Amino acid sequence: MTKYKEYFDRMINDNKEIFDNFLQLHQSYSINQEDLQERFNQEGGEVLKIIKEWENKLCSQSEKAGYGSFTSNLSEKFWAEVRKMLPLIDYIGIIAKKEPQFSIKKINLSKV
């Protein structure tokens, strides 16, 4: 097994409950993005912290071993694994503004 897949699997196993809950939210969010955006951002922020922590662990090990020039490729492969499981991970942090419904103001011509 490649190193990035090993770290990915360890990340999922060490944080199984968090990822299981977020997967359910992720599936619901894919259906109803407008109503769940705030909750998705909040819970997704915690998931992103975990993912970035594991990415740093993975890349720092390679840099210590003298393979610093390969860490960007390693990071990309790690994130590709994340996006396979969570395709909407990049939607975390989107600020959704609800626009008011379109309305036309009435003109009162009797006062003219």
N, C-alpha and C. Protein backbone atom coordinates (compact mmCIF):
# COMPACT_ATOMS: atom_id res chain seq x y z
N MET A 1 0.85 -1.18 0.00
CA MET A 1 0.00 0.00 0.00
C MET A 1 0.89 1.24 0.00
N THR A 2 0.50 2.22 -0.80
CA THR A 2 1.29 3.45 -0.87
C THR A 2 1.13 4.25 0.42
N LYS A 3 2.09 5.12 0.65
CA LYS A 3 2.13 5.85 1.92
C LYS A 3 0.93 6.78 2.08
N TYR A 4 0.55 7.48 1.03
CA TYR A 4 -0.57 8.41 1.17
C TYR A 4 -1.88 7.68 1.44
N LYS A 5 -2.05 6.48 0.86
CA LYS A 5 -3.25 5.70 1.13
C LYS A 5 -3.24 5.16 2.56
N GLU A 6 -2.06 4.79 3.00
CA GLU A 6 -1.92 4.31 4.37
C GLU A 6 -2.29 5.42 5.37
N TYR A 7 -1.79 6.62 5.15
CA TYR A 7 -2.12 7.75 6.03
C TYR A 7 -3.60 8.09 5.93
N PHE A 8 -4.15 8.02 4.74
CA PHE A 8 -5.58 8.30 4.56
C PHE A 8 -6.41 7.29 5.35
N ASP A 9 -6.09 6.02 5.23
CA ASP A 9 -6.83 4.98 5.97
C ASP A 9 -6.68 5.15 7.47
N ARG A 10 -5.48 5.49 7.92
CA ARG A 10 -5.27 5.72 9.35
C ARG A 10 -6.08 6.92 9.83
N MET A 11 -6.14 7.97 9.02
CA MET A 11 -6.92 9.17 9.38
C MET A 11 -8.39 8.79 9.55
N ILE A 12 -8.93 8.03 8.61
CA ILE A 12 -10.34 7.63 8.66
C ILE A 12 -10.59 6.73 9.87
N ASN A 13 -9.72 5.77 10.11
CA ASN A 13 -9.91 4.85 11.23
C ASN A 13 -9.77 5.53 12.59
N ASP A 14 -8.84 6.46 12.70
CA ASP A 14 -8.64 7.15 13.98
C ASP A 14 -9.77 8.12 14.29
N ASN A 15 -10.48 8.58 13.28
CA ASN A 15 -11.56 9.55 13.45
C ASN A 15 -12.86 9.02 12.84
N LYS A 16 -13.11 7.74 13.04
CA LYS A 16 -14.21 7.05 12.38
C LYS A 16 -15.56 7.71 12.65
N GLU A 17 -15.84 8.02 13.90
CA GLU A 17 -17.15 8.59 14.25
C GLU A 17 -17.36 9.96 13.60
N ILE A 18 -16.34 10.79 13.60
CA ILE A 18 -16.44 12.12 12.99
C ILE A 18 -16.69 12.00 11.50
N PHE A 19 -15.94 11.13 10.84
CA PHE A 19 -16.10 10.98 9.39
C PHE A 19 -17.42 10.31 9.03
N ASP A 20 -17.89 9.38 9.84
CA ASP A 20 -19.19 8.74 9.57
C ASP A 20 -20.32 9.77 9.65
N ASN A 21 -20.27 10.61 10.69
CA ASN A 21 -21.29 11.66 10.83
C ASN A 21 -21.22 12.66 9.68
N PHE A 22 -19.99 13.02 9.30
CA PHE A 22 -19.85 14.00 8.23
C PHE A 22 -20.25 13.42 6.88
N LEU A 23 -20.04 12.12 6.68
CA LEU A 23 -20.49 11.49 5.43
C LEU A 23 -22.01 11.57 5.28
N GLN A 24 -22.73 11.37 6.38
CA GLN A 24 -24.18 11.49 6.33
C GLN A 24 -24.59 12.92 5.99
N LEU A 25 -23.94 13.89 6.63
CA LEU A 25 -24.22 15.29 6.34
C LEU A 25 -23.86 15.62 4.89
N HIS A 26 -22.75 15.08 4.42
CA HIS A 26 -22.29 15.31 3.05
C HIS A 26 -23.33 14.82 2.05
N GLN A 27 -23.91 13.66 2.30
CA GLN A 27 -24.94 13.13 1.41
C GLN A 27 -26.20 14.00 1.44
N SER A 28 -26.57 14.45 2.61
CA SER A 28 -27.74 15.33 2.72
C SER A 28 -27.46 16.67 2.05
N TYR A 29 -26.25 17.16 2.21
CA TYR A 29 -25.86 18.44 1.62
C TYR A 29 -25.88 18.38 0.10
N SER A 30 -25.53 17.25 -0.46
CA SER A 30 -25.53 17.13 -1.91
C SER A 30 -26.95 17.26 -2.48
N ILE A 31 -27.95 16.97 -1.67
CA ILE A 31 -29.34 17.07 -2.09
C ILE A 31 -29.90 18.47 -1.82
N ASN A 32 -29.56 19.03 -0.66
CA ASN A 32 -30.16 20.30 -0.23
C ASN A 32 -29.06 21.24 0.26
N GLN A 33 -28.38 21.88 -0.66
CA GLN A 33 -27.23 22.71 -0.31
C GLN A 33 -27.63 24.01 0.39
N GLU A 34 -28.70 24.63 -0.02
CA GLU A 34 -29.07 25.93 0.53
C GLU A 34 -29.37 25.88 2.02
N ASP A 35 -30.13 24.89 2.44
CA ASP A 35 -30.54 24.82 3.84
C ASP A 35 -29.44 24.29 4.76
N LEU A 36 -28.52 23.51 4.23
CA LEU A 36 -27.50 22.88 5.07
C LEU A 36 -26.13 23.55 4.99
N GLN A 37 -26.00 24.65 4.27
CA GLN A 37 -24.69 25.26 4.06
C GLN A 37 -24.03 25.66 5.38
N GLU A 38 -24.78 26.26 6.29
CA GLU A 38 -24.20 26.72 7.55
C GLU A 38 -23.68 25.54 8.38
N ARG A 39 -24.48 24.52 8.50
CA ARG A 39 -24.09 23.32 9.26
C ARG A 39 -22.91 22.61 8.58
N PHE A 40 -22.95 22.57 7.24
CA PHE A 40 -21.86 21.94 6.47
C PHE A 40 -20.55 22.68 6.70
N ASN A 41 -20.60 24.01 6.75
CA ASN A 41 -19.40 24.80 7.01
C ASN A 41 -18.86 24.55 8.41
N GLN A 42 -19.75 24.50 9.38
CA GLN A 42 -19.33 24.32 10.77
C GLN A 42 -18.69 22.95 11.00
N GLU A 43 -19.40 21.90 10.63
CA GLU A 43 -18.87 20.55 10.84
C GLU A 43 -17.74 20.25 9.88
N GLY A 44 -17.81 20.80 8.70
CA GLY A 44 -16.74 20.61 7.72
C GLY A 44 -15.44 21.25 8.14
N GLY A 45 -15.53 22.35 8.90
CA GLY A 45 -14.32 22.99 9.41
C GLY A 45 -13.52 22.06 10.30
N GLU A 46 -14.22 21.30 11.13
CA GLU A 46 -13.55 20.33 12.00
C GLU A 46 -12.92 19.21 11.19
N VAL A 47 -13.63 18.76 10.17
CA VAL A 47 -13.11 17.70 9.31
C VAL A 47 -11.87 18.19 8.55
N LEU A 48 -11.92 19.43 8.07
CA LEU A 48 -10.76 20.00 7.36
C LEU A 48 -9.54 20.09 8.25
N LYS A 49 -9.75 20.43 9.53
CA LYS A 49 -8.62 20.48 10.46
C LYS A 49 -7.95 19.12 10.57
N ILE A 50 -8.76 18.08 10.66
CA ILE A 50 -8.23 16.72 10.77
C ILE A 50 -7.48 16.34 9.49
N ILE A 51 -8.07 16.64 8.35
CA ILE A 51 -7.44 16.29 7.07
C ILE A 51 -6.11 17.02 6.91
N LYS A 52 -6.07 18.30 7.22
CA LYS A 52 -4.83 19.07 7.09
C LYS A 52 -3.77 18.61 8.08
N GLU A 53 -4.19 18.20 9.26
CA GLU A 53 -3.25 17.65 10.25
C GLU A 53 -2.58 16.38 9.71
N TRP A 54 -3.38 15.50 9.11
CA TRP A 54 -2.84 14.26 8.56
C TRP A 54 -2.00 14.51 7.31
N GLU A 55 -2.39 15.50 6.54
CA GLU A 55 -1.59 15.87 5.37
C GLU A 55 -0.21 16.36 5.82
N ASN A 56 -0.19 17.17 6.89
CA ASN A 56 1.08 17.65 7.41
C ASN A 56 1.95 16.52 7.94
N LYS A 57 1.32 15.55 8.60
CA LYS A 57 2.07 14.39 9.09
C LYS A 57 2.71 13.63 7.92
N LEU A 58 1.93 13.43 6.89
CA LEU A 58 2.40 12.70 5.71
C LEU A 58 3.57 13.44 5.05
N CYS A 59 3.39 14.71 4.81
CA CYS A 59 4.41 15.49 4.09
C CYS A 59 5.65 15.74 4.93
N SER A 60 5.50 15.91 6.24
CA SER A 60 6.67 16.16 7.08
C SER A 60 7.56 14.92 7.15
N GLN A 61 6.97 13.73 7.10
CA GLN A 61 7.77 12.51 7.10
C GLN A 61 8.63 12.43 5.84
N SER A 62 8.06 12.83 4.71
CA SER A 62 8.81 12.79 3.45
C SER A 62 9.91 13.84 3.44
N GLU A 63 9.62 15.01 4.00
CA GLU A 63 10.63 16.07 4.03
C GLU A 63 11.81 15.67 4.92
N LYS A 64 11.53 15.00 6.03
CA LYS A 64 12.60 14.55 6.92
C LYS A 64 13.48 13.51 6.25
N ALA A 65 12.88 12.73 5.37
CA ALA A 65 13.63 11.67 4.69
C ALA A 65 14.43 12.21 3.50
N GLY A 66 14.31 13.50 3.21
CA GLY A 66 15.06 14.08 2.11
C GLY A 66 14.33 14.09 0.79
N TYR A 67 13.03 13.85 0.81
CA TYR A 67 12.24 13.84 -0.42
C TYR A 67 11.29 15.04 -0.47
N GLY A 68 11.77 16.18 -0.05
CA GLY A 68 10.96 17.39 0.01
C GLY A 68 10.40 17.82 -1.33
N SER A 69 11.11 17.52 -2.40
CA SER A 69 10.63 17.95 -3.72
C SER A 69 9.42 17.14 -4.18
N PHE A 70 9.16 16.01 -3.55
CA PHE A 70 8.03 15.16 -3.94
C PHE A 70 6.79 15.37 -3.08
N THR A 71 6.88 16.24 -2.07
CA THR A 71 5.76 16.39 -1.14
C THR A 71 4.53 17.01 -1.80
N SER A 72 4.71 17.87 -2.78
CA SER A 72 3.52 18.46 -3.43
C SER A 72 2.73 17.38 -4.18
N ASN A 73 3.43 16.48 -4.85
CA ASN A 73 2.75 15.37 -5.54
C ASN A 73 2.06 14.45 -4.53
N LEU A 74 2.74 14.22 -3.43
CA LEU A 74 2.19 13.37 -2.38
C LEU A 74 0.93 14.00 -1.79
N SER A 75 0.98 15.30 -1.57
CA SER A 75 -0.17 16.02 -1.05
C SER A 75 -1.34 15.97 -2.03
N GLU A 76 -1.07 16.13 -3.30
CA GLU A 76 -2.13 16.07 -4.32
C GLU A 76 -2.79 14.70 -4.36
N LYS A 77 -1.99 13.65 -4.24
CA LYS A 77 -2.54 12.29 -4.24
C LYS A 77 -3.39 12.05 -2.99
N PHE A 78 -2.93 12.58 -1.86
CA PHE A 78 -3.68 12.45 -0.61
C PHE A 78 -5.04 13.14 -0.74
N TRP A 79 -5.03 14.36 -1.29
CA TRP A 79 -6.28 15.10 -1.46
C TRP A 79 -7.17 14.44 -2.52
N ALA A 80 -6.61 13.76 -3.47
CA ALA A 80 -7.41 13.03 -4.46
C ALA A 80 -8.19 11.91 -3.77
N GLU A 81 -7.56 11.26 -2.80
CA GLU A 81 -8.25 10.22 -2.02
C GLU A 81 -9.39 10.84 -1.20
N VAL A 82 -9.12 12.00 -0.63
CA VAL A 82 -10.15 12.68 0.16
C VAL A 82 -11.33 13.03 -0.74
N ARG A 83 -11.04 13.55 -1.94
CA ARG A 83 -12.12 13.97 -2.86
C ARG A 83 -12.88 12.77 -3.44
N LYS A 84 -12.27 11.61 -3.46
CA LYS A 84 -13.01 10.41 -3.88
C LYS A 84 -14.12 10.12 -2.88
N MET A 85 -13.78 10.25 -1.60
CA MET A 85 -14.74 9.96 -0.55
C MET A 85 -15.72 11.12 -0.34
N LEU A 86 -15.20 12.36 -0.42
CA LEU A 86 -16.01 13.56 -0.17
C LEU A 86 -15.88 14.53 -1.34
N PRO A 87 -16.62 14.32 -2.41
CA PRO A 87 -16.46 15.17 -3.60
C PRO A 87 -16.80 16.64 -3.37
N LEU A 88 -17.61 16.95 -2.36
CA LEU A 88 -17.99 18.34 -2.12
C LEU A 88 -17.17 19.00 -1.01
N ILE A 89 -16.02 18.45 -0.70
CA ILE A 89 -15.17 18.97 0.38
C ILE A 89 -14.74 20.41 0.11
N ASP A 90 -14.63 20.78 -1.14
CA ASP A 90 -14.20 22.14 -1.48
C ASP A 90 -15.32 23.16 -1.28
N TYR A 91 -16.52 22.74 -0.99
CA TYR A 91 -17.64 23.65 -0.76
C TYR A 91 -17.70 24.13 0.69
N ILE A 92 -16.81 23.62 1.53
CA ILE A 92 -16.78 24.05 2.92
C ILE A 92 -16.28 25.49 2.97
N GLY A 93 -17.01 26.31 3.68
CA GLY A 93 -16.62 27.71 3.83
C GLY A 93 -17.32 28.66 2.89
N ILE A 94 -18.16 28.15 2.02
CA ILE A 94 -18.89 29.02 1.11
C ILE A 94 -19.92 29.81 1.92
N ILE A 95 -19.97 31.09 1.67
CA ILE A 95 -20.95 31.94 2.35
C ILE A 95 -22.14 32.11 1.42
N ALA A 96 -23.25 31.61 1.86
CA ALA A 96 -24.46 31.66 1.04
C ALA A 96 -25.35 32.79 1.53
N LYS A 97 -25.53 33.78 0.68
CA LYS A 97 -26.41 34.88 1.01
C LYS A 97 -27.76 34.61 0.37
N LYS A 98 -28.77 34.75 1.16
CA LYS A 98 -30.12 34.54 0.64
C LYS A 98 -30.62 35.88 0.12
N GLU A 99 -30.87 35.92 -1.14
CA GLU A 99 -31.35 37.13 -1.80
C GLU A 99 -32.85 37.28 -1.52
N PRO A 100 -33.28 38.53 -1.28
CA PRO A 100 -34.72 38.71 -1.10
C PRO A 100 -35.45 38.47 -2.42
N GLN A 101 -36.67 38.09 -2.30
CA GLN A 101 -37.46 37.83 -3.50
C GLN A 101 -37.63 39.12 -4.28
N PHE A 102 -37.70 39.01 -5.57
CA PHE A 102 -37.85 40.17 -6.43
C PHE A 102 -39.21 40.81 -6.21
N SER A 103 -39.21 42.11 -6.04
CA SER A 103 -40.48 42.82 -5.89
C SER A 103 -40.38 44.19 -6.57
N ILE A 104 -41.49 44.65 -7.04
CA ILE A 104 -41.55 45.96 -7.70
C ILE A 104 -42.34 46.88 -6.78
N LYS A 105 -41.75 48.03 -6.51
CA LYS A 105 -42.44 48.99 -5.66
C LYS A 105 -43.54 49.67 -6.47
N LYS A 106 -44.65 49.88 -5.80
CA LYS A 106 -45.78 50.53 -6.45
C LYS A 106 -45.57 52.04 -6.47
N ILE A 107 -45.95 52.64 -7.54
CA ILE A 107 -45.86 54.09 -7.68
C ILE A 107 -47.26 54.67 -7.43
N ASN A 108 -47.29 55.60 -6.53
CA ASN A 108 -48.58 56.23 -6.21
C ASN A 108 -48.70 57.50 -7.04
N LEU A 109 -49.54 57.47 -8.04
CA LEU A 109 -49.70 58.60 -8.96
C LEU A 109 -50.71 59.63 -8.45
N SER A 110 -51.45 59.32 -7.44
CA SER A 110 -52.46 60.25 -6.95
C SER A 110 -51.84 61.44 -6.22
N LYS A 111 -50.61 61.34 -5.75
CA LYS A 111 -49.95 62.42 -5.02
C LYS A 111 -49.23 63.38 -5.97
N VAL A 112 -49.15 63.10 -7.21
CA VAL A 112 -48.40 63.93 -8.14
C VAL A 112 -49.13 65.16 -8.52
